[in-house]
């Protein structure tokens, strides 16, 4: 997530517990029941690592996230990171759904005026 100033950053309140609940509801019971909170949090953390690596967390960027964020690239990045972790066993199709749900959660925060 990119912010135009520090006030925007303060108003954007990302809550991991709310994100988990949102993701679990968005992906449905069949996918949700397969994974622990820690596994979903790993995906959330990986998404934010991607943002940091791409400079999306910078306060001085001019473009909007929608102009720069390539969701397919993000999903592929997360899939590679999950595959590299020998302890995680996650279906790539489920990873895609979880990433999309996390993006929907972020959008829901923006939709309330932040």
PDB file of N, CA and C in Angstrom:
ATOM      1  N   UNK A   1       0.843  -1.167   0.000  1.00  0.00           N
ATOM      2  CA  UNK A   1       0.000   0.000   0.000  1.00  0.00           C
ATOM      3  C   UNK A   1       0.890   1.233   0.000  1.00  0.00           C
ATOM      4  N   UNK A   2       0.573   2.168  -0.837  1.00  0.00           N
ATOM      5  CA  UNK A   2       1.352   3.392  -0.958  1.00  0.00           C
ATOM      6  C   UNK A   2       0.564   4.530  -0.321  1.00  0.00           C
ATOM      7  N   UNK A   3       1.273   5.439   0.342  1.00  0.00           N
ATOM      8  CA  UNK A   3       0.630   6.542   1.027  1.00  0.00           C
ATOM      9  C   UNK A   3       1.163   7.852   0.484  1.00  0.00           C
ATOM     10  N   UNK A   4       0.271   8.841   0.349  1.00  0.00           N
ATOM     11  CA  UNK A   4       0.715  10.134  -0.165  1.00  0.00           C
ATOM     12  C   UNK A   4       1.312  11.002   0.933  1.00  0.00           C
ATOM     13  N   UNK A   5       0.953  10.747   2.179  1.00  0.00           N
ATOM     14  CA  UNK A   5       1.556  11.483   3.288  1.00  0.00           C
ATOM     15  C   UNK A   5       1.411  10.669   4.575  1.00  0.00           C
ATOM     16  N   UNK A   6       2.055  11.137   5.630  1.00  0.00           N
ATOM     17  CA  UNK A   6       2.044  10.377   6.878  1.00  0.00           C
ATOM     18  C   UNK A   6       0.656  10.320   7.501  1.00  0.00           C
ATOM     19  N   UNK A   7      -0.182  11.324   7.248  1.00  0.00           N
ATOM     20  CA  UNK A   7      -1.551  11.289   7.772  1.00  0.00           C
ATOM     21  C   UNK A   7      -2.340  10.148   7.140  1.00  0.00           C
ATOM     22  N   UNK A   8      -2.165   9.934   5.819  1.00  0.00           N
ATOM     23  CA  UNK A   8      -2.828   8.822   5.157  1.00  0.00           C
ATOM     24  C   UNK A   8      -2.400   7.501   5.784  1.00  0.00           C
ATOM     25  N   UNK A   9      -1.120   7.380   6.096  1.00  0.00           N
ATOM     26  CA  UNK A   9      -0.609   6.147   6.683  1.00  0.00           C
ATOM     27  C   UNK A   9      -1.254   5.898   8.046  1.00  0.00           C
ATOM     28  N   UNK A  10      -1.413   6.952   8.827  1.00  0.00           N
ATOM     29  CA  UNK A  10      -2.007   6.804  10.147  1.00  0.00           C
ATOM     30  C   UNK A  10      -3.483   6.404  10.037  1.00  0.00           C
ATOM     31  N   UNK A  11      -4.186   6.878   9.023  1.00  0.00           N
ATOM     32  CA  UNK A  11      -5.609   6.577   8.852  1.00  0.00           C
ATOM     33  C   UNK A  11      -5.848   5.177   8.303  1.00  0.00           C
ATOM     34  N   UNK A  12      -4.861   4.627   7.633  1.00  0.00           N
ATOM     35  CA  UNK A  12      -5.003   3.298   7.044  1.00  0.00           C
ATOM     36  C   UNK A  12      -4.688   2.282   8.124  1.00  0.00           C
ATOM     37  N   UNK A  13      -5.708   1.642   8.661  1.00  0.00           N
ATOM     38  CA  UNK A  13      -5.529   0.733   9.783  1.00  0.00           C
ATOM     39  C   UNK A  13      -5.712  -0.702   9.303  1.00  0.00           C
ATOM     40  N   UNK A  14      -4.603  -1.366   9.090  1.00  0.00           N
ATOM     41  CA  UNK A  14      -4.628  -2.763   8.681  1.00  0.00           C
ATOM     42  C   UNK A  14      -4.580  -3.602   9.939  1.00  0.00           C
ATOM     43  N   UNK A  15      -5.598  -4.386  10.152  1.00  0.00           N
ATOM     44  CA  UNK A  15      -5.692  -5.215  11.346  1.00  0.00           C
ATOM     45  C   UNK A  15      -5.590  -6.679  10.922  1.00  0.00           C
ATOM     46  N   UNK A  16      -4.555  -7.370  11.378  1.00  0.00           N
ATOM     47  CA  UNK A  16      -4.345  -8.766  10.972  1.00  0.00           C
ATOM     48  C   UNK A  16      -5.512  -9.667  11.356  1.00  0.00           C
ATOM     49  N   UNK A  17      -6.075  -9.462  12.539  1.00  0.00           N
ATOM     50  CA  UNK A  17      -7.206 -10.298  12.957  1.00  0.00           C
ATOM     51  C   UNK A  17      -8.412 -10.087  12.048  1.00  0.00           C
ATOM     52  N   UNK A  18      -8.681  -8.831  11.701  1.00  0.00           N
ATOM     53  CA  UNK A  18      -9.791  -8.541  10.801  1.00  0.00           C
ATOM     54  C   UNK A  18      -9.487  -9.052   9.395  1.00  0.00           C
ATOM     55  N   UNK A  19      -8.226  -8.942   8.991  1.00  0.00           N
ATOM     56  CA  UNK A  19      -7.837  -9.458   7.680  1.00  0.00           C
ATOM     57  C   UNK A  19      -8.037 -10.971   7.622  1.00  0.00           C
ATOM     58  N   UNK A  20      -7.623 -11.670   8.670  1.00  0.00           N
ATOM     59  CA  UNK A  20      -7.822 -13.127   8.731  1.00  0.00           C
ATOM     60  C   UNK A  20      -9.298 -13.497   8.609  1.00  0.00           C
ATOM     61  N   UNK A  21     -10.129 -12.822   9.378  1.00  0.00           N
ATOM     62  CA  UNK A  21     -11.569 -13.112   9.343  1.00  0.00           C
ATOM     63  C   UNK A  21     -12.141 -12.817   7.956  1.00  0.00           C
ATOM     64  N   UNK A  22     -11.725 -11.696   7.369  1.00  0.00           N
ATOM     65  CA  UNK A  22     -12.202 -11.316   6.042  1.00  0.00           C
ATOM     66  C   UNK A  22     -11.780 -12.360   5.006  1.00  0.00           C
ATOM     67  N   UNK A  23     -10.511 -12.757   5.053  1.00  0.00           N
ATOM     68  CA  UNK A  23      -9.990 -13.742   4.102  1.00  0.00           C
ATOM     69  C   UNK A  23     -10.710 -15.071   4.257  1.00  0.00           C
ATOM     70  N   UNK A  24     -10.861 -15.538   5.482  1.00  0.00           N
ATOM     71  CA  UNK A  24     -11.532 -16.823   5.715  1.00  0.00           C
ATOM     72  C   UNK A  24     -12.952 -16.808   5.149  1.00  0.00           C
ATOM     73  N   UNK A  25     -13.660 -15.711   5.344  1.00  0.00           N
ATOM     74  CA  UNK A  25     -15.016 -15.619   4.809  1.00  0.00           C
ATOM     75  C   UNK A  25     -14.992 -15.553   3.280  1.00  0.00           C
ATOM     76  N   UNK A  26     -14.064 -14.792   2.736  1.00  0.00           N
ATOM     77  CA  UNK A  26     -14.009 -14.599   1.285  1.00  0.00           C
ATOM     78  C   UNK A  26     -13.651 -15.878   0.524  1.00  0.00           C
ATOM     79  N   UNK A  27     -12.772 -16.701   1.093  1.00  0.00           N
ATOM     80  CA  UNK A  27     -12.346 -17.914   0.378  1.00  0.00           C
ATOM     81  C   UNK A  27     -13.289 -19.090   0.603  1.00  0.00           C
ATOM     82  N   UNK A  28     -14.145 -18.985   1.581  1.00  0.00           N
ATOM     83  CA  UNK A  28     -15.095 -20.050   1.849  1.00  0.00           C
ATOM     84  C   UNK A  28     -14.542 -21.123   2.769  1.00  0.00           C
ATOM     85  N   UNK A  29     -15.450 -21.889   3.322  1.00  0.00           N
ATOM     86  CA  UNK A  29     -15.102 -22.898   4.331  1.00  0.00           C
ATOM     87  C   UNK A  29     -14.149 -23.960   3.801  1.00  0.00           C
ATOM     88  N   UNK A  30     -14.370 -24.407   2.568  1.00  0.00           N
ATOM     89  CA  UNK A  30     -13.545 -25.490   2.010  1.00  0.00           C
ATOM     90  C   UNK A  30     -12.061 -25.120   2.001  1.00  0.00           C
ATOM     91  N   UNK A  31     -11.744 -23.921   1.570  1.00  0.00           N
ATOM     92  CA  UNK A  31     -10.343 -23.478   1.548  1.00  0.00           C
ATOM     93  C   UNK A  31      -9.904 -23.051   2.942  1.00  0.00           C
ATOM     94  N   UNK A  32     -10.748 -22.302   3.621  1.00  0.00           N
ATOM     95  CA  UNK A  32     -10.408 -21.782   4.941  1.00  0.00           C
ATOM     96  C   UNK A  32     -10.021 -22.877   5.923  1.00  0.00           C
ATOM     97  N   UNK A  33     -10.768 -23.986   5.906  1.00  0.00           N
ATOM     98  CA  UNK A  33     -10.516 -25.067   6.854  1.00  0.00           C
ATOM     99  C   UNK A  33      -9.193 -25.797   6.618  1.00  0.00           C
ATOM    100  N   UNK A  34      -8.611 -25.635   5.459  1.00  0.00           N
ATOM    101  CA  UNK A  34      -7.344 -26.310   5.151  1.00  0.00           C
ATOM    102  C   UNK A  34      -6.143 -25.689   5.847  1.00  0.00           C
ATOM    103  N   UNK A  35      -6.260 -24.412   6.227  1.00  0.00           N
ATOM    104  CA  UNK A  35      -5.068 -23.685   6.644  1.00  0.00           C
ATOM    105  C   UNK A  35      -5.221 -23.037   8.016  1.00  0.00           C
ATOM    106  N   UNK A  36      -4.109 -23.038   8.739  1.00  0.00           N
ATOM    107  CA  UNK A  36      -4.068 -22.403  10.058  1.00  0.00           C
ATOM    108  C   UNK A  36      -3.954 -20.884   9.890  1.00  0.00           C
ATOM    109  N   UNK A  37      -4.195 -20.178  10.983  1.00  0.00           N
ATOM    110  CA  UNK A  37      -3.993 -18.727  10.965  1.00  0.00           C
ATOM    111  C   UNK A  37      -2.558 -18.397  10.584  1.00  0.00           C
ATOM    112  N   UNK A  38      -1.600 -19.165  11.107  1.00  0.00           N
ATOM    113  CA  UNK A  38      -0.189 -18.906  10.810  1.00  0.00           C
ATOM    114  C   UNK A  38       0.111 -19.026   9.319  1.00  0.00           C
ATOM    115  N   UNK A  39      -0.515 -19.984   8.657  1.00  0.00           N
ATOM    116  CA  UNK A  39      -0.278 -20.153   7.218  1.00  0.00           C
ATOM    117  C   UNK A  39      -0.856 -18.973   6.431  1.00  0.00           C
ATOM    118  N   UNK A  40      -2.024 -18.522   6.817  1.00  0.00           N
ATOM    119  CA  UNK A  40      -2.609 -17.364   6.137  1.00  0.00           C
ATOM    120  C   UNK A  40      -1.819 -16.104   6.464  1.00  0.00           C
ATOM    121  N   UNK A  41      -1.373 -15.981   7.699  1.00  0.00           N
ATOM    122  CA  UNK A  41      -0.547 -14.829   8.068  1.00  0.00           C
ATOM    123  C   UNK A  41       0.779 -14.825   7.306  1.00  0.00           C
ATOM    124  N   UNK A  42       1.311 -16.000   7.012  1.00  0.00           N
ATOM    125  CA  UNK A  42       2.516 -16.078   6.194  1.00  0.00           C
ATOM    126  C   UNK A  42       2.252 -15.431   4.836  1.00  0.00           C
ATOM    127  N   UNK A  43       1.099 -15.719   4.261  1.00  0.00           N
ATOM    128  CA  UNK A  43       0.760 -15.129   2.963  1.00  0.00           C
ATOM    129  C   UNK A  43       0.610 -13.615   3.095  1.00  0.00           C
ATOM    130  N   UNK A  44      -0.064 -13.158   4.132  1.00  0.00           N
ATOM    131  CA  UNK A  44      -0.213 -11.717   4.351  1.00  0.00           C
ATOM    132  C   UNK A  44       1.157 -11.062   4.480  1.00  0.00           C
ATOM    133  N   UNK A  45       2.028 -11.641   5.285  1.00  0.00           N
ATOM    134  CA  UNK A  45       3.379 -11.087   5.461  1.00  0.00           C
ATOM    135  C   UNK A  45       4.146 -11.074   4.137  1.00  0.00           C
ATOM    136  N   UNK A  46       3.968 -12.095   3.344  1.00  0.00           N
ATOM    137  CA  UNK A  46       4.651 -12.183   2.058  1.00  0.00           C
ATOM    138  C   UNK A  46       4.134 -11.107   1.106  1.00  0.00           C
ATOM    139  N   UNK A  47       2.848 -10.837   1.152  1.00  0.00           N
ATOM    140  CA  UNK A  47       2.288  -9.754   0.339  1.00  0.00           C
ATOM    141  C   UNK A  47       2.940  -8.433   0.721  1.00  0.00           C
ATOM    142  N   UNK A  48       3.072  -8.184   2.006  1.00  0.00           N
ATOM    143  CA  UNK A  48       3.673  -6.922   2.461  1.00  0.00           C
ATOM    144  C   UNK A  48       5.176  -6.883   2.156  1.00  0.00           C
ATOM    145  N   UNK A  49       5.838  -8.031   2.156  1.00  0.00           N
ATOM    146  CA  UNK A  49       7.235  -8.083   1.714  1.00  0.00           C
ATOM    147  C   UNK A  49       7.330  -7.666   0.249  1.00  0.00           C
ATOM    148  N   UNK A  50       6.403  -8.164  -0.555  1.00  0.00           N
ATOM    149  CA  UNK A  50       6.348  -7.798  -1.974  1.00  0.00           C
ATOM    150  C   UNK A  50       6.178  -6.283  -2.116  1.00  0.00           C
ATOM    151  N   UNK A  51       5.243  -5.715  -1.355  1.00  0.00           N
ATOM    152  CA  UNK A  51       5.027  -4.263  -1.402  1.00  0.00           C
ATOM    153  C   UNK A  51       6.307  -3.512  -1.067  1.00  0.00           C
ATOM    154  N   UNK A  52       6.990  -3.977  -0.027  1.00  0.00           N
ATOM    155  CA  UNK A  52       8.228  -3.314   0.382  1.00  0.00           C
ATOM    156  C   UNK A  52       9.292  -3.429  -0.711  1.00  0.00           C
ATOM    157  N   UNK A  53       9.442  -4.623  -1.275  1.00  0.00           N
ATOM    158  CA  UNK A  53      10.438  -4.835  -2.328  1.00  0.00           C
ATOM    159  C   UNK A  53      10.159  -3.992  -3.569  1.00  0.00           C
ATOM    160  N   UNK A  54       8.895  -3.756  -3.868  1.00  0.00           N
ATOM    161  CA  UNK A  54       8.500  -2.977  -5.048  1.00  0.00           C
ATOM    162  C   UNK A  54       8.416  -1.483  -4.763  1.00  0.00           C
ATOM    163  N   UNK A  55       8.628  -1.087  -3.510  1.00  0.00           N
ATOM    164  CA  UNK A  55       8.585   0.329  -3.152  1.00  0.00           C
ATOM    165  C   UNK A  55       7.190   0.876  -2.913  1.00  0.00           C
ATOM    166  N   UNK A  56       6.198   0.004  -2.762  1.00  0.00           N
ATOM    167  CA  UNK A  56       4.823   0.446  -2.574  1.00  0.00           C
ATOM    168  C   UNK A  56       4.576   1.072  -1.200  1.00  0.00           C
ATOM    169  N   UNK A  57       5.474   0.881  -0.281  1.00  0.00           N
ATOM    170  CA  UNK A  57       5.293   1.435   1.058  1.00  0.00           C
ATOM    171  C   UNK A  57       5.936   2.804   1.196  1.00  0.00           C
ATOM    172  N   UNK A  58       6.492   3.300   0.113  1.00  0.00           N
ATOM    173  CA  UNK A  58       7.162   4.594   0.104  1.00  0.00           C
ATOM    174  C   UNK A  58       6.149   5.723   0.226  1.00  0.00           C
ATOM    175  N   UNK A  59       6.498   6.743   0.989  1.00  0.00           N
ATOM    176  CA  UNK A  59       5.623   7.898   1.151  1.00  0.00           C
ATOM    177  C   UNK A  59       5.721   8.873  -0.008  1.00  0.00           C
ATOM    178  N   UNK A  60       6.738   8.739  -0.853  1.00  0.00           N
ATOM    179  CA  UNK A  60       6.960   9.757  -1.872  1.00  0.00           C
ATOM    180  C   UNK A  60       6.637   9.313  -3.296  1.00  0.00           C
ATOM    181  N   UNK A  61       5.829   8.286  -3.440  1.00  0.00           N
ATOM    182  CA  UNK A  61       5.470   7.828  -4.786  1.00  0.00           C
ATOM    183  C   UNK A  61       4.306   8.651  -5.324  1.00  0.00           C
ATOM    184  N   UNK A  62       4.341   8.950  -6.631  1.00  0.00           N
ATOM    185  CA  UNK A  62       3.303   9.748  -7.266  1.00  0.00           C
ATOM    186  C   UNK A  62       2.170   8.907  -7.831  1.00  0.00           C
ATOM    187  N   UNK A  63       2.476   7.732  -8.359  1.00  0.00           N
ATOM    188  CA  UNK A  63       1.458   6.901  -8.985  1.00  0.00           C
ATOM    189  C   UNK A  63       0.550   6.276  -7.934  1.00  0.00           C
ATOM    190  N   UNK A  64      -0.636   5.913  -8.366  1.00  0.00           N
ATOM    191  CA  UNK A  64      -1.534   5.202  -7.466  1.00  0.00           C
ATOM    192  C   UNK A  64      -1.228   3.718  -7.537  1.00  0.00           C
ATOM    193  N   UNK A  65      -1.591   3.003  -6.511  1.00  0.00           N
ATOM    194  CA  UNK A  65      -1.312   1.568  -6.451  1.00  0.00           C
ATOM    195  C   UNK A  65      -1.931   0.837  -7.630  1.00  0.00           C
ATOM    196  N   UNK A  66      -3.145   1.228  -8.011  1.00  0.00           N
ATOM    197  CA  UNK A  66      -3.831   0.547  -9.097  1.00  0.00           C
ATOM    198  C   UNK A  66      -3.049   0.651 -10.403  1.00  0.00           C
ATOM    199  N   UNK A  67      -2.292   1.733 -10.573  1.00  0.00           N
ATOM    200  CA  UNK A  67      -1.509   1.913 -11.784  1.00  0.00           C
ATOM    201  C   UNK A  67      -0.269   1.020 -11.804  1.00  0.00           C
ATOM    202  N   UNK A  68       0.202   0.618 -10.646  1.00  0.00           N
ATOM    203  CA  UNK A  68       1.471  -0.097 -10.557  1.00  0.00           C
ATOM    204  C   UNK A  68       1.308  -1.559 -10.159  1.00  0.00           C
ATOM    205  N   UNK A  69       0.421  -1.853  -9.248  1.00  0.00           N
ATOM    206  CA  UNK A  69       0.310  -3.210  -8.726  1.00  0.00           C
ATOM    207  C   UNK A  69      -0.153  -4.180  -9.802  1.00  0.00           C
ATOM    208  N   UNK A  70       0.649  -5.182 -10.028  1.00  0.00           N
ATOM    209  CA  UNK A  70       0.301  -6.260 -10.953  1.00  0.00           C
ATOM    210  C   UNK A  70      -0.087  -7.451 -10.080  1.00  0.00           C
ATOM    211  N   UNK A  71      -1.393  -7.682  -9.960  1.00  0.00           N
ATOM    212  CA  UNK A  71      -1.881  -8.732  -9.071  1.00  0.00           C
ATOM    213  C   UNK A  71      -1.348 -10.102  -9.467  1.00  0.00           C
ATOM    214  N   UNK A  72      -1.225 -10.349 -10.766  1.00  0.00           N
ATOM    215  CA  UNK A  72      -0.699 -11.642 -11.215  1.00  0.00           C
ATOM    216  C   UNK A  72       0.749 -11.819 -10.782  1.00  0.00           C
ATOM    217  N   UNK A  73       1.543 -10.755 -10.878  1.00  0.00           N
ATOM    218  CA  UNK A  73       2.935 -10.813 -10.436  1.00  0.00           C
ATOM    219  C   UNK A  73       2.998 -11.052  -8.925  1.00  0.00           C
ATOM    220  N   UNK A  74       2.127 -10.374  -8.189  1.00  0.00           N
ATOM    221  CA  UNK A  74       2.066 -10.564  -6.739  1.00  0.00           C
ATOM    222  C   UNK A  74       1.729 -12.013  -6.402  1.00  0.00           C
ATOM    223  N   UNK A  75       0.729 -12.569  -7.068  1.00  0.00           N
ATOM    224  CA  UNK A  75       0.322 -13.953  -6.803  1.00  0.00           C
ATOM    225  C   UNK A  75       1.465 -14.913  -7.104  1.00  0.00           C
ATOM    226  N   UNK A  76       2.152 -14.713  -8.209  1.00  0.00           N
ATOM    227  CA  UNK A  76       3.285 -15.580  -8.552  1.00  0.00           C
ATOM    228  C   UNK A  76       4.404 -15.457  -7.524  1.00  0.00           C
ATOM    229  N   UNK A  77       4.657 -14.246  -7.053  1.00  0.00           N
ATOM    230  CA  UNK A  77       5.667 -14.019  -6.021  1.00  0.00           C
ATOM    231  C   UNK A  77       5.315 -14.800  -4.751  1.00  0.00           C
ATOM    232  N   UNK A  78       4.058 -14.699  -4.324  1.00  0.00           N
ATOM    233  CA  UNK A  78       3.622 -15.395  -3.109  1.00  0.00           C
ATOM    234  C   UNK A  78       3.721 -16.904  -3.298  1.00  0.00           C
ATOM    235  N   UNK A  79       3.309 -17.394  -4.450  1.00  0.00           N
ATOM    236  CA  UNK A  79       3.401 -18.837  -4.714  1.00  0.00           C
ATOM    237  C   UNK A  79       4.845 -19.315  -4.629  1.00  0.00           C
ATOM    238  N   UNK A  80       5.778 -18.555  -5.175  1.00  0.00           N
ATOM    239  CA  UNK A  80       7.198 -18.930  -5.121  1.00  0.00           C
ATOM    240  C   UNK A  80       7.715 -18.935  -3.683  1.00  0.00           C
ATOM    241  N   UNK A  81       7.307 -17.944  -2.911  1.00  0.00           N
ATOM    242  CA  UNK A  81       7.755 -17.869  -1.518  1.00  0.00           C
ATOM    243  C   UNK A  81       7.196 -19.035  -0.696  1.00  0.00           C
ATOM    244  N   UNK A  82       5.946 -19.376  -0.937  1.00  0.00           N
ATOM    245  CA  UNK A  82       5.337 -20.517  -0.229  1.00  0.00           C
ATOM    246  C   UNK A  82       6.057 -21.802  -0.630  1.00  0.00           C
ATOM    247  N   UNK A  83       6.313 -21.967  -1.918  1.00  0.00           N
ATOM    248  CA  UNK A  83       6.995 -23.176  -2.402  1.00  0.00           C
ATOM    249  C   UNK A  83       8.402 -23.285  -1.825  1.00  0.00           C
ATOM    250  N   UNK A  84       9.045 -22.154  -1.586  1.00  0.00           N
ATOM    251  CA  UNK A  84      10.405 -22.157  -1.047  1.00  0.00           C
ATOM    252  C   UNK A  84      10.438 -22.529   0.437  1.00  0.00           C
ATOM    253  N   UNK A  85       9.325 -22.378   1.107  1.00  0.00           N
ATOM    254  CA  UNK A  85       9.243 -22.728   2.525  1.00  0.00           C
ATOM    255  C   UNK A  85       8.886 -24.209   2.631  1.00  0.00           C
ATOM    256  N   UNK A  86       9.827 -25.008   3.060  1.00  0.00           N
ATOM    257  CA  UNK A  86       9.655 -26.460   3.087  1.00  0.00           C
ATOM    258  C   UNK A  86       8.583 -26.933   4.069  1.00  0.00           C
ATOM    259  N   UNK A  87       8.204 -26.085   5.014  1.00  0.00           N
ATOM    260  CA  UNK A  87       7.198 -26.477   5.997  1.00  0.00           C
ATOM    261  C   UNK A  87       5.772 -26.226   5.524  1.00  0.00           C
ATOM    262  N   UNK A  88       5.597 -25.359   4.548  1.00  0.00           N
ATOM    263  CA  UNK A  88       4.253 -25.030   4.062  1.00  0.00           C
ATOM    264  C   UNK A  88       3.854 -25.942   2.917  1.00  0.00           C
ATOM    265  N   UNK A  89       2.670 -26.477   3.014  1.00  0.00           N
ATOM    266  CA  UNK A  89       2.106 -27.299   1.946  1.00  0.00           C
ATOM    267  C   UNK A  89       0.768 -26.678   1.594  1.00  0.00           C
ATOM    268  N   UNK A  90       0.776 -25.812   0.588  1.00  0.00           N
ATOM    269  CA  UNK A  90      -0.440 -25.101   0.206  1.00  0.00           C
ATOM    270  C   UNK A  90      -0.686 -25.266  -1.284  1.00  0.00           C
ATOM    271  N   UNK A  91      -1.927 -25.478  -1.641  1.00  0.00           N
ATOM    272  CA  UNK A  91      -2.342 -25.605  -3.021  1.00  0.00           C
ATOM    273  C   UNK A  91      -2.190 -24.238  -3.708  1.00  0.00           C
ATOM    274  N   UNK A  92      -1.498 -24.174  -4.855  1.00  0.00           N
ATOM    275  CA  UNK A  92      -1.332 -22.899  -5.562  1.00  0.00           C
ATOM    276  C   UNK A  92      -2.659 -22.200  -5.882  1.00  0.00           C
ATOM    277  N   UNK A  93      -3.710 -22.961  -6.179  1.00  0.00           N
ATOM    278  CA  UNK A  93      -5.016 -22.344  -6.443  1.00  0.00           C
ATOM    279  C   UNK A  93      -5.563 -21.675  -5.185  1.00  0.00           C
ATOM    280  N   UNK A  94      -5.326 -22.282  -4.032  1.00  0.00           N
ATOM    281  CA  UNK A  94      -5.757 -21.694  -2.763  1.00  0.00           C
ATOM    282  C   UNK A  94      -4.962 -20.433  -2.458  1.00  0.00           C
ATOM    283  N   UNK A  95      -3.678 -20.463  -2.752  1.00  0.00           N
ATOM    284  CA  UNK A  95      -2.829 -19.282  -2.534  1.00  0.00           C
ATOM    285  C   UNK A  95      -3.380 -18.117  -3.330  1.00  0.00           C
ATOM    286  N   UNK A  96      -3.725 -18.367  -4.570  1.00  0.00           N
ATOM    287  CA  UNK A  96      -4.284 -17.323  -5.423  1.00  0.00           C
ATOM    288  C   UNK A  96      -5.555 -16.738  -4.806  1.00  0.00           C
ATOM    289  N   UNK A  97      -6.434 -17.591  -4.313  1.00  0.00           N
ATOM    290  CA  UNK A  97      -7.677 -17.126  -3.689  1.00  0.00           C
ATOM    291  C   UNK A  97      -7.404 -16.301  -2.436  1.00  0.00           C
ATOM    292  N   UNK A  98      -6.441 -16.755  -1.643  1.00  0.00           N
ATOM    293  CA  UNK A  98      -6.112 -16.051  -0.398  1.00  0.00           C
ATOM    294  C   UNK A  98      -5.522 -14.676  -0.707  1.00  0.00           C
ATOM    295  N   UNK A  99      -4.626 -14.599  -1.686  1.00  0.00           N
ATOM    296  CA  UNK A  99      -4.035 -13.306  -2.065  1.00  0.00           C
ATOM    297  C   UNK A  99      -5.135 -12.361  -2.555  1.00  0.00           C
ATOM    298  N   UNK A 100      -6.010 -12.842  -3.407  1.00  0.00           N
ATOM    299  CA  UNK A 100      -7.101 -11.998  -3.918  1.00  0.00           C
ATOM    300  C   UNK A 100      -8.003 -11.525  -2.787  1.00  0.00           C
ATOM    301  N   UNK A 101      -8.261 -12.386  -1.819  1.00  0.00           N
ATOM    302  CA  UNK A 101      -9.092 -12.002  -0.672  1.00  0.00           C
ATOM    303  C   UNK A 101      -8.386 -10.942   0.168  1.00  0.00           C
ATOM    304  N   UNK A 102      -7.077 -11.074   0.330  1.00  0.00           N
ATOM    305  CA  UNK A 102      -6.324 -10.072   1.090  1.00  0.00           C
ATOM    306  C   UNK A 102      -6.385  -8.727   0.368  1.00  0.00           C
ATOM    307  N   UNK A 103      -6.271  -8.740  -0.945  1.00  0.00           N
ATOM    308  CA  UNK A 103      -6.378  -7.502  -1.721  1.00  0.00           C
ATOM    309  C   UNK A 103      -7.772  -6.887  -1.571  1.00  0.00           C
ATOM    310  N   UNK A 104      -8.788  -7.733  -1.506  1.00  0.00           N
ATOM    311  CA  UNK A 104     -10.156  -7.239  -1.289  1.00  0.00           C
ATOM    312  C   UNK A 104     -10.275  -6.592   0.097  1.00  0.00           C
ATOM    313  N   UNK A 105      -9.616  -7.190   1.084  1.00  0.00           N
ATOM    314  CA  UNK A 105      -9.628  -6.595   2.422  1.00  0.00           C
ATOM    315  C   UNK A 105      -8.995  -5.210   2.384  1.00  0.00           C
ATOM    316  N   UNK A 106      -7.848  -5.085   1.721  1.00  0.00           N
ATOM    317  CA  UNK A 106      -7.200  -3.780   1.610  1.00  0.00           C
ATOM    318  C   UNK A 106      -8.120  -2.775   0.921  1.00  0.00           C
ATOM    319  N   UNK A 107      -8.783  -3.222  -0.138  1.00  0.00           N
ATOM    320  CA  UNK A 107      -9.705  -2.355  -0.864  1.00  0.00           C
ATOM    321  C   UNK A 107     -10.856  -1.916   0.035  1.00  0.00           C
ATOM    322  N   UNK A 108     -11.317  -2.809   0.898  1.00  0.00           N
ATOM    323  CA  UNK A 108     -12.408  -2.456   1.808  1.00  0.00           C
ATOM    324  C   UNK A 108     -11.985  -1.331   2.760  1.00  0.00           C
ATOM    325  N   UNK A 109     -10.710  -1.288   3.110  1.00  0.00           N
ATOM    326  CA  UNK A 109     -10.207  -0.217   3.971  1.00  0.00           C
ATOM    327  C   UNK A 109     -10.185   1.101   3.214  1.00  0.00           C
ATOM    328  N   UNK A 110      -9.775   1.023   1.950  1.00  0.00           N
ATOM    329  CA  UNK A 110      -9.740   2.228   1.122  1.00  0.00           C
ATOM    330  C   UNK A 110     -11.144   2.756   0.847  1.00  0.00           C
ATOM    331  N   UNK A 111     -12.093   1.849   0.714  1.00  0.00           N
ATOM    332  CA  UNK A 111     -13.467   2.218   0.374  1.00  0.00           C
ATOM    333  C   UNK A 111     -14.152   2.996   1.485  1.00  0.00           C
ATOM    334  N   UNK A 112     -13.643   2.916   2.704  1.00  0.00           N
ATOM    335  CA  UNK A 112     -14.261   3.663   3.797  1.00  0.00           C
ATOM    336  C   UNK A 112     -13.652   5.043   3.951  1.00  0.00           C
ATOM    337  N   UNK A 113     -12.868   5.455   2.958  1.00  0.00           N
ATOM    338  CA  UNK A 113     -12.398   6.836   2.951  1.00  0.00           C
ATOM    339  C   UNK A 113     -10.943   7.030   3.273  1.00  0.00           C
ATOM    340  N   UNK A 114     -10.184   5.979   3.390  1.00  0.00           N
ATOM    341  CA  UNK A 114      -8.762   6.159   3.701  1.00  0.00           C
ATOM    342  C   UNK A 114      -7.974   6.179   2.446  1.00  0.00           C
TER     343      UNK A 114
END
